[in-house]
Amino acid sequence: MGSVTTRVCPYGRPLKTYRLEKDMHMRNYDFTPLYRSTVGFDRLASMLDIALTADAGTNTYPPYNIEKAGEDKYRITVAVSGFSEDELNVEMREGQLVIAAKKAEVANDQITYLHRGIAQRAFEKRFQLADHVRPVGAESSEGLLHIDLVREVPEALKPRKIEIANASMINGKTTQKVTESRAIEA
C-alpha cells in the first residue's frame, strides 16, 4: 500500500503527504480547491475532470492523429476508409469538434462474407477545442479525413503597449493650468 505523512505548515495547519508505491495508481483527483480559488476556470477544471476520470478502455476507433502544423495551425487526421464523403459529418458543437460517420444501409443478399475484417461501423469522435481555435477546412482523400484548425486570438486579447503619459498629459490631451480670479466684494 501507500504511506501517509502528516506535518505541520508554518501557519499551524496539518499537511498530509501521500506517497504511493510503484504498482499503485491514483485514480481520483479532487478539483474542489481549484473551484474555490479561481474564477472563470470552471470549464478547464471540468475538462480535466472528464479527461482524468475517463475509463482507460475508452473507444479508440477510428484511429486518428493530431498534428501541430505551425505556431497557430493544427490538423486532425482520422482514418475513415470505407466511408464516402456523404456518409461523413464534421461540425462544431459547444466548443467541440464532432466527427461522425454512419454507413448507409445496403441490402445486398448476394454477398456472403467468409471473413469480415474491415471495420465500417458507425462512430462519433469528439475533440475539445481550446478557446479561439476553429476549423477552417476539411478534406477526404485516400481513406483519411483531414481537418485543418487555426487559432485566431482576437485583437482585444493580444498584448498591446500602453503609453505612459507625463503629469501634463491626461487622456492624450495637454492640460493647462487654469487660474481663476475672483473679485472681492466690498
N, C-alpha and C. Protein backbone atom coordinates (compact mmCIF):
# COMPACT_ATOMS: atom_id res chain seq x y z
N MET A 1 0.84 -1.19 0.00
CA MET A 1 0.00 0.00 0.00
C MET A 1 0.88 1.23 0.00
N GLY A 2 0.27 2.35 0.27
CA GLY A 2 0.99 3.61 0.32
C GLY A 2 1.14 4.08 1.74
N SER A 3 1.83 5.19 1.90
CA SER A 3 2.03 5.72 3.24
C SER A 3 1.57 7.17 3.28
N VAL A 4 1.16 7.61 4.49
CA VAL A 4 0.69 8.97 4.69
C VAL A 4 1.59 9.61 5.74
N THR A 5 2.14 10.77 5.43
CA THR A 5 2.97 11.51 6.36
C THR A 5 2.25 12.81 6.69
N THR A 6 2.14 13.11 7.99
CA THR A 6 1.48 14.35 8.40
C THR A 6 2.52 15.28 9.00
N ARG A 7 2.58 16.50 8.48
CA ARG A 7 3.46 17.54 9.01
C ARG A 7 2.61 18.76 9.31
N VAL A 8 3.22 19.76 9.91
CA VAL A 8 2.51 20.99 10.23
C VAL A 8 3.14 22.11 9.42
N CYS A 9 2.30 22.91 8.76
CA CYS A 9 2.80 24.03 7.97
C CYS A 9 3.12 25.19 8.91
N PRO A 10 3.80 26.24 8.43
CA PRO A 10 4.17 27.37 9.28
C PRO A 10 2.96 28.07 9.91
N TYR A 11 1.77 27.91 9.36
CA TYR A 11 0.59 28.55 9.90
C TYR A 11 -0.15 27.66 10.89
N GLY A 12 0.39 26.49 11.19
CA GLY A 12 -0.21 25.60 12.17
C GLY A 12 -1.20 24.61 11.61
N ARG A 13 -1.40 24.60 10.30
CA ARG A 13 -2.35 23.67 9.69
C ARG A 13 -1.65 22.35 9.37
N PRO A 14 -2.35 21.24 9.52
CA PRO A 14 -1.72 19.95 9.19
C PRO A 14 -1.61 19.78 7.68
N LEU A 15 -0.47 19.26 7.23
CA LEU A 15 -0.24 18.95 5.82
C LEU A 15 -0.08 17.45 5.70
N LYS A 16 -0.82 16.85 4.80
CA LYS A 16 -0.70 15.41 4.59
C LYS A 16 -0.01 15.17 3.26
N THR A 17 0.98 14.33 3.27
CA THR A 17 1.70 13.96 2.07
C THR A 17 1.41 12.49 1.81
N TYR A 18 0.93 12.18 0.62
CA TYR A 18 0.60 10.82 0.26
C TYR A 18 1.70 10.28 -0.64
N ARG A 19 2.25 9.16 -0.29
CA ARG A 19 3.28 8.55 -1.09
C ARG A 19 2.76 7.19 -1.55
N LEU A 20 2.74 6.99 -2.86
CA LEU A 20 2.24 5.74 -3.42
C LEU A 20 3.41 4.86 -3.83
N GLU A 21 3.22 3.58 -3.69
CA GLU A 21 4.24 2.64 -4.12
C GLU A 21 4.20 2.50 -5.63
N LYS A 22 5.18 1.82 -6.20
CA LYS A 22 5.32 1.71 -7.65
C LYS A 22 4.07 1.19 -8.33
N ASP A 23 3.48 0.14 -7.81
CA ASP A 23 2.38 -0.50 -8.50
C ASP A 23 1.03 0.13 -8.24
N MET A 24 0.98 1.15 -7.41
CA MET A 24 -0.29 1.81 -7.12
C MET A 24 -0.49 2.99 -8.06
N HIS A 25 -1.72 3.22 -8.44
CA HIS A 25 -2.05 4.33 -9.32
C HIS A 25 -3.14 5.16 -8.68
N MET A 26 -2.97 6.46 -8.71
CA MET A 26 -4.00 7.34 -8.17
C MET A 26 -5.06 7.54 -9.25
N ARG A 27 -6.29 7.24 -8.94
CA ARG A 27 -7.34 7.30 -9.94
C ARG A 27 -8.32 8.44 -9.73
N ASN A 28 -8.40 8.97 -8.53
CA ASN A 28 -9.35 10.04 -8.26
C ASN A 28 -8.61 11.33 -7.93
N TYR A 29 -9.04 12.41 -8.56
CA TYR A 29 -8.47 13.72 -8.30
C TYR A 29 -9.58 14.61 -7.78
N ASP A 30 -9.26 15.42 -6.80
CA ASP A 30 -10.24 16.32 -6.23
C ASP A 30 -9.91 17.74 -6.69
N PHE A 31 -10.79 18.33 -7.51
CA PHE A 31 -10.56 19.67 -8.02
C PHE A 31 -11.29 20.73 -7.20
N THR A 32 -11.80 20.37 -6.03
CA THR A 32 -12.51 21.32 -5.20
C THR A 32 -11.66 22.54 -4.85
N PRO A 33 -10.38 22.39 -4.48
CA PRO A 33 -9.58 23.59 -4.19
C PRO A 33 -9.45 24.51 -5.41
N LEU A 34 -9.40 23.94 -6.59
CA LEU A 34 -9.31 24.76 -7.79
C LEU A 34 -10.58 25.57 -7.99
N TYR A 35 -11.74 24.96 -7.73
CA TYR A 35 -13.01 25.68 -7.86
C TYR A 35 -13.11 26.79 -6.83
N ARG A 36 -12.55 26.58 -5.64
CA ARG A 36 -12.66 27.58 -4.57
C ARG A 36 -11.78 28.78 -4.78
N SER A 37 -10.64 28.60 -5.45
CA SER A 37 -9.66 29.68 -5.51
C SER A 37 -9.50 30.33 -6.88
N THR A 38 -10.30 29.95 -7.85
CA THR A 38 -10.20 30.55 -9.18
C THR A 38 -11.57 31.00 -9.66
N VAL A 39 -11.54 31.94 -10.57
CA VAL A 39 -12.77 32.44 -11.16
C VAL A 39 -12.64 32.33 -12.67
N GLY A 40 -13.61 31.71 -13.30
CA GLY A 40 -13.63 31.63 -14.76
C GLY A 40 -12.90 30.43 -15.33
N PHE A 41 -12.32 29.58 -14.49
CA PHE A 41 -11.61 28.41 -14.97
C PHE A 41 -12.43 27.14 -14.79
N ASP A 42 -13.72 27.27 -14.54
CA ASP A 42 -14.54 26.10 -14.29
C ASP A 42 -14.60 25.18 -15.51
N ARG A 43 -14.55 25.74 -16.71
CA ARG A 43 -14.56 24.92 -17.92
C ARG A 43 -13.29 24.09 -18.01
N LEU A 44 -12.15 24.69 -17.67
CA LEU A 44 -10.88 23.97 -17.69
C LEU A 44 -10.88 22.85 -16.66
N ALA A 45 -11.36 23.15 -15.47
CA ALA A 45 -11.40 22.13 -14.42
C ALA A 45 -12.34 21.00 -14.81
N SER A 46 -13.45 21.33 -15.44
CA SER A 46 -14.39 20.29 -15.89
C SER A 46 -13.75 19.41 -16.96
N MET A 47 -13.01 20.03 -17.89
CA MET A 47 -12.33 19.25 -18.93
C MET A 47 -11.31 18.32 -18.31
N LEU A 48 -10.53 18.81 -17.34
CA LEU A 48 -9.55 17.96 -16.67
C LEU A 48 -10.24 16.82 -15.93
N ASP A 49 -11.32 17.15 -15.27
CA ASP A 49 -12.06 16.14 -14.52
C ASP A 49 -12.57 15.04 -15.45
N ILE A 50 -13.14 15.43 -16.59
CA ILE A 50 -13.65 14.45 -17.55
C ILE A 50 -12.51 13.63 -18.14
N ALA A 51 -11.40 14.29 -18.49
CA ALA A 51 -10.27 13.57 -19.09
C ALA A 51 -9.63 12.59 -18.13
N LEU A 52 -9.53 12.99 -16.87
CA LEU A 52 -8.85 12.13 -15.90
C LEU A 52 -9.74 11.02 -15.36
N THR A 53 -11.04 11.21 -15.42
CA THR A 53 -11.93 10.17 -14.93
C THR A 53 -12.44 9.26 -16.04
N ALA A 54 -12.02 9.52 -17.26
CA ALA A 54 -12.44 8.68 -18.38
C ALA A 54 -11.87 7.29 -18.20
N ASP A 55 -12.63 6.33 -18.61
CA ASP A 55 -12.21 4.94 -18.50
C ASP A 55 -10.98 4.70 -19.37
N ALA A 56 -10.03 3.94 -18.85
CA ALA A 56 -8.81 3.67 -19.60
C ALA A 56 -9.11 2.89 -20.88
N GLY A 57 -10.19 2.14 -20.91
CA GLY A 57 -10.55 1.36 -22.08
C GLY A 57 -11.50 2.09 -23.01
N THR A 58 -11.33 3.40 -23.14
CA THR A 58 -12.24 4.15 -24.00
C THR A 58 -12.07 3.73 -25.45
N ASN A 59 -13.07 4.00 -26.22
CA ASN A 59 -13.11 3.60 -27.62
C ASN A 59 -12.03 4.33 -28.41
N THR A 60 -11.18 3.59 -29.07
CA THR A 60 -10.11 4.18 -29.86
C THR A 60 -10.40 4.09 -31.35
N TYR A 61 -11.60 3.67 -31.71
CA TYR A 61 -11.96 3.57 -33.12
C TYR A 61 -12.64 4.86 -33.55
N PRO A 62 -12.32 5.42 -34.64
CA PRO A 62 -11.25 5.10 -35.57
C PRO A 62 -9.92 5.71 -35.12
N PRO A 63 -8.81 5.20 -35.61
CA PRO A 63 -7.53 5.79 -35.25
C PRO A 63 -7.41 7.21 -35.81
N TYR A 64 -6.65 8.04 -35.10
CA TYR A 64 -6.51 9.44 -35.52
C TYR A 64 -5.15 9.97 -35.10
N ASN A 65 -4.74 11.07 -35.74
CA ASN A 65 -3.52 11.81 -35.40
C ASN A 65 -3.91 13.26 -35.15
N ILE A 66 -3.19 13.90 -34.23
CA ILE A 66 -3.32 15.34 -34.02
C ILE A 66 -1.94 15.93 -34.25
N GLU A 67 -1.84 16.83 -35.22
CA GLU A 67 -0.55 17.40 -35.61
C GLU A 67 -0.55 18.90 -35.37
N LYS A 68 0.62 19.42 -35.02
CA LYS A 68 0.80 20.87 -34.94
C LYS A 68 1.52 21.28 -36.21
N ALA A 69 0.84 22.01 -37.08
CA ALA A 69 1.37 22.35 -38.39
C ALA A 69 2.07 23.70 -38.42
N GLY A 70 2.01 24.45 -37.37
CA GLY A 70 2.62 25.77 -37.30
C GLY A 70 2.36 26.37 -35.93
N GLU A 71 2.73 27.63 -35.77
CA GLU A 71 2.55 28.30 -34.48
C GLU A 71 1.08 28.30 -34.05
N ASP A 72 0.17 28.58 -34.96
CA ASP A 72 -1.26 28.64 -34.65
C ASP A 72 -2.08 27.74 -35.55
N LYS A 73 -1.48 26.69 -36.11
CA LYS A 73 -2.18 25.80 -37.03
C LYS A 73 -2.08 24.37 -36.55
N TYR A 74 -3.21 23.66 -36.66
CA TYR A 74 -3.28 22.27 -36.24
C TYR A 74 -4.00 21.46 -37.31
N ARG A 75 -3.81 20.15 -37.27
CA ARG A 75 -4.51 19.26 -38.21
C ARG A 75 -4.86 17.97 -37.49
N ILE A 76 -6.11 17.58 -37.64
CA ILE A 76 -6.57 16.29 -37.12
C ILE A 76 -6.81 15.40 -38.33
N THR A 77 -6.20 14.22 -38.30
CA THR A 77 -6.36 13.26 -39.38
C THR A 77 -7.01 12.01 -38.80
N VAL A 78 -8.13 11.61 -39.40
CA VAL A 78 -8.89 10.46 -38.93
C VAL A 78 -8.96 9.42 -40.05
N ALA A 79 -8.70 8.15 -39.71
CA ALA A 79 -8.80 7.06 -40.69
C ALA A 79 -10.27 6.72 -40.90
N VAL A 80 -10.76 6.99 -42.11
CA VAL A 80 -12.18 6.77 -42.41
C VAL A 80 -12.35 5.92 -43.67
N SER A 81 -11.47 4.94 -43.84
CA SER A 81 -11.55 4.12 -45.04
C SER A 81 -12.88 3.38 -45.09
N GLY A 82 -13.46 3.34 -46.26
CA GLY A 82 -14.74 2.67 -46.45
C GLY A 82 -15.93 3.60 -46.36
N PHE A 83 -15.71 4.85 -45.91
CA PHE A 83 -16.81 5.82 -45.82
C PHE A 83 -16.67 6.84 -46.94
N SER A 84 -17.78 7.15 -47.59
CA SER A 84 -17.76 8.19 -48.61
C SER A 84 -17.96 9.55 -47.94
N GLU A 85 -17.74 10.61 -48.68
CA GLU A 85 -17.89 11.96 -48.12
C GLU A 85 -19.33 12.23 -47.68
N ASP A 86 -20.30 11.60 -48.35
CA ASP A 86 -21.70 11.79 -47.97
C ASP A 86 -22.03 11.11 -46.64
N GLU A 87 -21.26 10.11 -46.26
CA GLU A 87 -21.51 9.39 -45.02
C GLU A 87 -20.77 9.99 -43.82
N LEU A 88 -19.93 11.00 -44.06
CA LEU A 88 -19.17 11.68 -43.01
C LEU A 88 -19.83 13.00 -42.64
N ASN A 89 -19.74 13.36 -41.37
CA ASN A 89 -20.29 14.63 -40.90
C ASN A 89 -19.29 15.25 -39.92
N VAL A 90 -18.90 16.50 -40.18
CA VAL A 90 -17.98 17.23 -39.31
C VAL A 90 -18.66 18.52 -38.91
N GLU A 91 -18.76 18.77 -37.61
CA GLU A 91 -19.41 20.01 -37.15
C GLU A 91 -18.83 20.47 -35.83
N MET A 92 -19.00 21.78 -35.57
CA MET A 92 -18.61 22.38 -34.29
C MET A 92 -19.87 22.45 -33.44
N ARG A 93 -19.75 21.98 -32.18
CA ARG A 93 -20.90 21.99 -31.29
C ARG A 93 -20.39 22.25 -29.87
N GLU A 94 -20.76 23.39 -29.29
CA GLU A 94 -20.44 23.74 -27.90
C GLU A 94 -18.95 23.61 -27.60
N GLY A 95 -18.11 24.18 -28.45
CA GLY A 95 -16.67 24.15 -28.23
C GLY A 95 -16.01 22.82 -28.54
N GLN A 96 -16.75 21.91 -29.15
CA GLN A 96 -16.21 20.61 -29.51
C GLN A 96 -16.29 20.42 -31.02
N LEU A 97 -15.27 19.76 -31.54
CA LEU A 97 -15.30 19.33 -32.93
C LEU A 97 -15.84 17.91 -32.91
N VAL A 98 -16.96 17.68 -33.60
CA VAL A 98 -17.60 16.37 -33.60
C VAL A 98 -17.50 15.79 -35.01
N ILE A 99 -16.88 14.60 -35.08
CA ILE A 99 -16.74 13.89 -36.36
C ILE A 99 -17.57 12.62 -36.25
N ALA A 100 -18.52 12.46 -37.16
CA ALA A 100 -19.41 11.30 -37.11
C ALA A 100 -19.47 10.66 -38.49
N ALA A 101 -19.67 9.35 -38.48
CA ALA A 101 -19.83 8.63 -39.74
C ALA A 101 -20.81 7.50 -39.53
N LYS A 102 -21.66 7.31 -40.54
CA LYS A 102 -22.62 6.22 -40.49
C LYS A 102 -22.73 5.66 -41.90
N LYS A 103 -22.50 4.38 -41.99
CA LYS A 103 -22.56 3.71 -43.29
C LYS A 103 -24.01 3.56 -43.72
N ALA A 104 -24.28 3.88 -44.96
CA ALA A 104 -25.62 3.73 -45.50
C ALA A 104 -25.96 2.24 -45.58
N GLU A 105 -27.17 1.93 -45.21
CA GLU A 105 -27.62 0.53 -45.24
C GLU A 105 -27.78 0.08 -46.69
N VAL A 106 -27.13 -1.01 -46.99
CA VAL A 106 -27.22 -1.58 -48.33
C VAL A 106 -27.74 -3.00 -48.19
N ALA A 107 -28.90 -3.24 -48.79
CA ALA A 107 -29.48 -4.59 -48.75
C ALA A 107 -28.90 -5.38 -49.92
N ASN A 108 -27.87 -6.14 -49.62
CA ASN A 108 -27.22 -6.92 -50.66
C ASN A 108 -27.19 -8.37 -50.21
N ASP A 109 -28.16 -9.12 -50.68
CA ASP A 109 -28.28 -10.52 -50.29
C ASP A 109 -27.35 -11.43 -51.10
N GLN A 110 -26.70 -10.88 -52.12
CA GLN A 110 -25.87 -11.70 -52.98
C GLN A 110 -24.47 -11.92 -52.42
N ILE A 111 -24.07 -11.13 -51.39
CA ILE A 111 -22.73 -11.25 -50.84
C ILE A 111 -22.78 -12.05 -49.55
N THR A 112 -21.96 -13.07 -49.48
CA THR A 112 -21.80 -13.84 -48.25
C THR A 112 -20.34 -13.70 -47.82
N TYR A 113 -20.13 -13.12 -46.66
CA TYR A 113 -18.78 -12.91 -46.16
C TYR A 113 -18.28 -14.16 -45.46
N LEU A 114 -17.09 -14.63 -45.83
CA LEU A 114 -16.43 -15.71 -45.12
C LEU A 114 -15.63 -15.13 -43.95
N HIS A 115 -15.11 -13.93 -44.16
CA HIS A 115 -14.42 -13.18 -43.10
C HIS A 115 -14.66 -11.70 -43.35
N ARG A 116 -15.08 -11.00 -42.35
CA ARG A 116 -15.33 -9.57 -42.49
C ARG A 116 -14.44 -8.83 -41.49
N GLY A 117 -13.27 -8.40 -41.93
CA GLY A 117 -12.29 -7.77 -41.06
C GLY A 117 -12.17 -6.27 -41.26
N ILE A 118 -12.82 -5.72 -42.26
CA ILE A 118 -12.78 -4.28 -42.49
C ILE A 118 -13.90 -3.64 -41.69
N ALA A 119 -13.50 -2.85 -40.71
CA ALA A 119 -14.49 -2.22 -39.83
C ALA A 119 -15.13 -1.04 -40.54
N GLN A 120 -16.42 -1.09 -40.66
CA GLN A 120 -17.16 0.02 -41.24
C GLN A 120 -18.31 0.38 -40.33
N ARG A 121 -18.07 0.27 -39.03
CA ARG A 121 -19.13 0.58 -38.07
C ARG A 121 -19.23 2.08 -37.87
N ALA A 122 -20.40 2.50 -37.48
CA ALA A 122 -20.65 3.92 -37.25
C ALA A 122 -19.82 4.38 -36.05
N PHE A 123 -19.43 5.65 -36.06
CA PHE A 123 -18.68 6.19 -34.94
C PHE A 123 -18.99 7.68 -34.77
N GLU A 124 -18.65 8.18 -33.60
CA GLU A 124 -18.69 9.61 -33.32
C GLU A 124 -17.48 9.92 -32.45
N LYS A 125 -16.61 10.79 -32.94
CA LYS A 125 -15.39 11.16 -32.24
C LYS A 125 -15.48 12.64 -31.89
N ARG A 126 -15.16 12.97 -30.62
CA ARG A 126 -15.25 14.35 -30.16
C ARG A 126 -13.88 14.85 -29.73
N PHE A 127 -13.57 16.08 -30.13
CA PHE A 127 -12.34 16.74 -29.73
C PHE A 127 -12.70 18.07 -29.07
N GLN A 128 -12.25 18.27 -27.84
CA GLN A 128 -12.49 19.52 -27.13
C GLN A 128 -11.48 20.54 -27.65
N LEU A 129 -11.96 21.65 -28.19
CA LEU A 129 -11.08 22.67 -28.76
C LEU A 129 -10.85 23.79 -27.75
N ALA A 130 -9.67 24.34 -27.74
CA ALA A 130 -9.34 25.45 -26.87
C ALA A 130 -10.06 26.71 -27.35
N ASP A 131 -10.07 27.71 -26.51
CA ASP A 131 -10.68 28.98 -26.90
C ASP A 131 -9.97 29.53 -28.13
N HIS A 132 -10.72 30.09 -29.03
CA HIS A 132 -10.25 30.76 -30.25
C HIS A 132 -9.67 29.79 -31.28
N VAL A 133 -9.88 28.47 -31.12
CA VAL A 133 -9.47 27.50 -32.14
C VAL A 133 -10.72 27.10 -32.89
N ARG A 134 -10.63 27.18 -34.22
CA ARG A 134 -11.80 26.85 -35.04
C ARG A 134 -11.34 26.11 -36.29
N PRO A 135 -12.20 25.24 -36.82
CA PRO A 135 -11.85 24.54 -38.06
C PRO A 135 -11.97 25.48 -39.25
N VAL A 136 -11.05 25.35 -40.19
CA VAL A 136 -11.08 26.18 -41.39
C VAL A 136 -11.33 25.37 -42.65
N GLY A 137 -11.24 24.06 -42.55
CA GLY A 137 -11.49 23.25 -43.74
C GLY A 137 -11.32 21.78 -43.45
N ALA A 138 -11.92 20.96 -44.30
CA ALA A 138 -11.81 19.51 -44.18
C ALA A 138 -11.75 18.91 -45.58
N GLU A 139 -10.95 17.86 -45.72
CA GLU A 139 -10.87 17.16 -47.00
C GLU A 139 -10.69 15.67 -46.74
N SER A 140 -11.20 14.88 -47.65
CA SER A 140 -11.11 13.44 -47.54
C SER A 140 -10.37 12.92 -48.77
N SER A 141 -9.28 12.17 -48.50
CA SER A 141 -8.54 11.57 -49.61
C SER A 141 -7.83 10.32 -49.12
N GLU A 142 -7.83 9.30 -49.97
CA GLU A 142 -7.14 8.04 -49.71
C GLU A 142 -7.51 7.41 -48.36
N GLY A 143 -8.77 7.51 -47.98
CA GLY A 143 -9.24 6.89 -46.75
C GLY A 143 -8.94 7.67 -45.48
N LEU A 144 -8.46 8.90 -45.63
CA LEU A 144 -8.15 9.75 -44.48
C LEU A 144 -8.96 11.04 -44.56
N LEU A 145 -9.47 11.46 -43.42
CA LEU A 145 -10.18 12.74 -43.32
C LEU A 145 -9.24 13.70 -42.61
N HIS A 146 -8.90 14.80 -43.29
CA HIS A 146 -8.01 15.82 -42.74
C HIS A 146 -8.83 17.05 -42.38
N ILE A 147 -8.72 17.50 -41.14
CA ILE A 147 -9.43 18.70 -40.69
C ILE A 147 -8.38 19.70 -40.23
N ASP A 148 -8.35 20.85 -40.89
CA ASP A 148 -7.39 21.90 -40.54
C ASP A 148 -8.03 22.85 -39.54
N LEU A 149 -7.26 23.19 -38.51
CA LEU A 149 -7.72 24.08 -37.46
C LEU A 149 -6.75 25.25 -37.34
N VAL A 150 -7.26 26.38 -36.91
CA VAL A 150 -6.42 27.55 -36.71
C VAL A 150 -6.83 28.24 -35.42
N ARG A 151 -5.84 28.77 -34.72
CA ARG A 151 -6.11 29.54 -33.50
C ARG A 151 -5.98 31.01 -33.87
N GLU A 152 -7.06 31.75 -33.70
CA GLU A 152 -7.10 33.18 -34.01
C GLU A 152 -7.44 33.93 -32.74
N VAL A 153 -6.43 34.55 -32.15
CA VAL A 153 -6.64 35.32 -30.93
C VAL A 153 -7.17 36.70 -31.33
N PRO A 154 -8.30 37.13 -30.75
CA PRO A 154 -8.85 38.44 -31.10
C PRO A 154 -7.89 39.57 -30.72
N GLU A 155 -7.98 40.66 -31.45
CA GLU A 155 -7.12 41.81 -31.20
C GLU A 155 -7.23 42.30 -29.76
N ALA A 156 -8.42 42.22 -29.19
CA ALA A 156 -8.62 42.72 -27.83
C ALA A 156 -7.83 41.90 -26.81
N LEU A 157 -7.48 40.64 -27.14
CA LEU A 157 -6.75 39.80 -26.21
C LEU A 157 -5.25 39.75 -26.47
N LYS A 158 -4.81 40.33 -27.58
CA LYS A 158 -3.38 40.34 -27.89
C LYS A 158 -2.69 41.39 -27.02
N PRO A 159 -1.43 41.14 -26.68
CA PRO A 159 -0.70 42.14 -25.88
C PRO A 159 -0.57 43.45 -26.64
N ARG A 160 -0.67 44.54 -25.93
CA ARG A 160 -0.51 45.85 -26.56
C ARG A 160 0.23 46.75 -25.60
N LYS A 161 0.98 47.67 -26.15
CA LYS A 161 1.78 48.59 -25.34
C LYS A 161 0.92 49.78 -24.94
N ILE A 162 1.02 50.13 -23.68
CA ILE A 162 0.28 51.26 -23.16
C ILE A 162 1.28 52.37 -22.88
N GLU A 163 1.07 53.51 -23.52
CA GLU A 163 1.96 54.64 -23.34
C GLU A 163 1.78 55.23 -21.95
N ILE A 164 2.87 55.63 -21.37
CA ILE A 164 2.83 56.27 -20.06
C ILE A 164 2.93 57.77 -20.28
N ALA A 165 1.92 58.47 -19.84
CA ALA A 165 1.87 59.92 -20.03
C ALA A 165 2.54 60.61 -18.84
N ASN A 166 3.09 61.80 -19.12
CA ASN A 166 3.65 62.56 -18.01
C ASN A 166 2.53 63.32 -17.32
N ALA A 167 2.84 64.05 -16.29
CA ALA A 167 1.82 64.70 -15.47
C ALA A 167 0.98 65.71 -16.25
N SER A 168 1.53 66.30 -17.30
CA SER A 168 0.76 67.30 -18.03
C SER A 168 -0.11 66.69 -19.12
N MET A 169 -0.06 65.39 -19.28
CA MET A 169 -0.86 64.72 -20.30
C MET A 169 -1.91 63.85 -19.61
N ILE A 170 -3.18 64.07 -19.91
CA ILE A 170 -4.26 63.24 -19.40
C ILE A 170 -5.19 62.95 -20.57
N ASN A 171 -5.50 61.69 -20.79
CA ASN A 171 -6.35 61.25 -21.90
C ASN A 171 -5.83 61.72 -23.24
N GLY A 172 -4.51 61.81 -23.38
CA GLY A 172 -3.92 62.20 -24.65
C GLY A 172 -4.05 63.68 -24.96
N LYS A 173 -4.52 64.50 -24.03
CA LYS A 173 -4.68 65.93 -24.25
C LYS A 173 -3.77 66.69 -23.30
N THR A 174 -3.25 67.76 -23.78
CA THR A 174 -2.41 68.59 -22.93
C THR A 174 -3.31 69.40 -22.00
N THR A 175 -2.99 69.33 -20.73
CA THR A 175 -3.80 70.11 -19.77
C THR A 175 -3.12 71.44 -19.50
N GLN A 176 -3.92 72.42 -19.27
CA GLN A 176 -3.41 73.75 -18.95
C GLN A 176 -3.88 74.13 -17.57
N LYS A 177 -3.01 74.79 -16.87
CA LYS A 177 -3.41 75.26 -15.56
C LYS A 177 -4.37 76.42 -15.73
N VAL A 178 -5.46 76.31 -15.05
CA VAL A 178 -6.48 77.35 -15.12
C VAL A 178 -6.42 78.13 -13.82
N THR A 179 -6.27 79.39 -13.97
CA THR A 179 -6.26 80.24 -12.78
C THR A 179 -7.54 81.05 -12.77
N GLU A 180 -8.13 81.13 -11.63
CA GLU A 180 -9.37 81.90 -11.51
C GLU A 180 -9.09 83.14 -10.68
N SER A 181 -9.69 84.15 -11.08
CA SER A 181 -9.57 85.36 -10.28
C SER A 181 -10.99 85.74 -9.82
N ARG A 182 -11.10 85.94 -8.57
CA ARG A 182 -12.41 86.29 -8.02
C ARG A 182 -12.35 87.71 -7.50
N ALA A 183 -13.34 88.37 -7.81
CA ALA A 183 -13.43 89.76 -7.30
C ALA A 183 -13.96 89.73 -5.89
N ILE A 184 -13.34 90.49 -5.06
CA ILE A 184 -13.79 90.56 -3.66
C ILE A 184 -14.78 91.68 -3.57
N GLU A 185 -15.93 91.33 -3.11
CA GLU A 185 -16.97 92.34 -2.98
C GLU A 185 -16.75 93.09 -1.65
N ALA A 186 -16.83 94.35 -1.72
CA ALA A 186 -16.64 95.15 -0.52
C ALA A 186 -17.93 95.70 -0.04
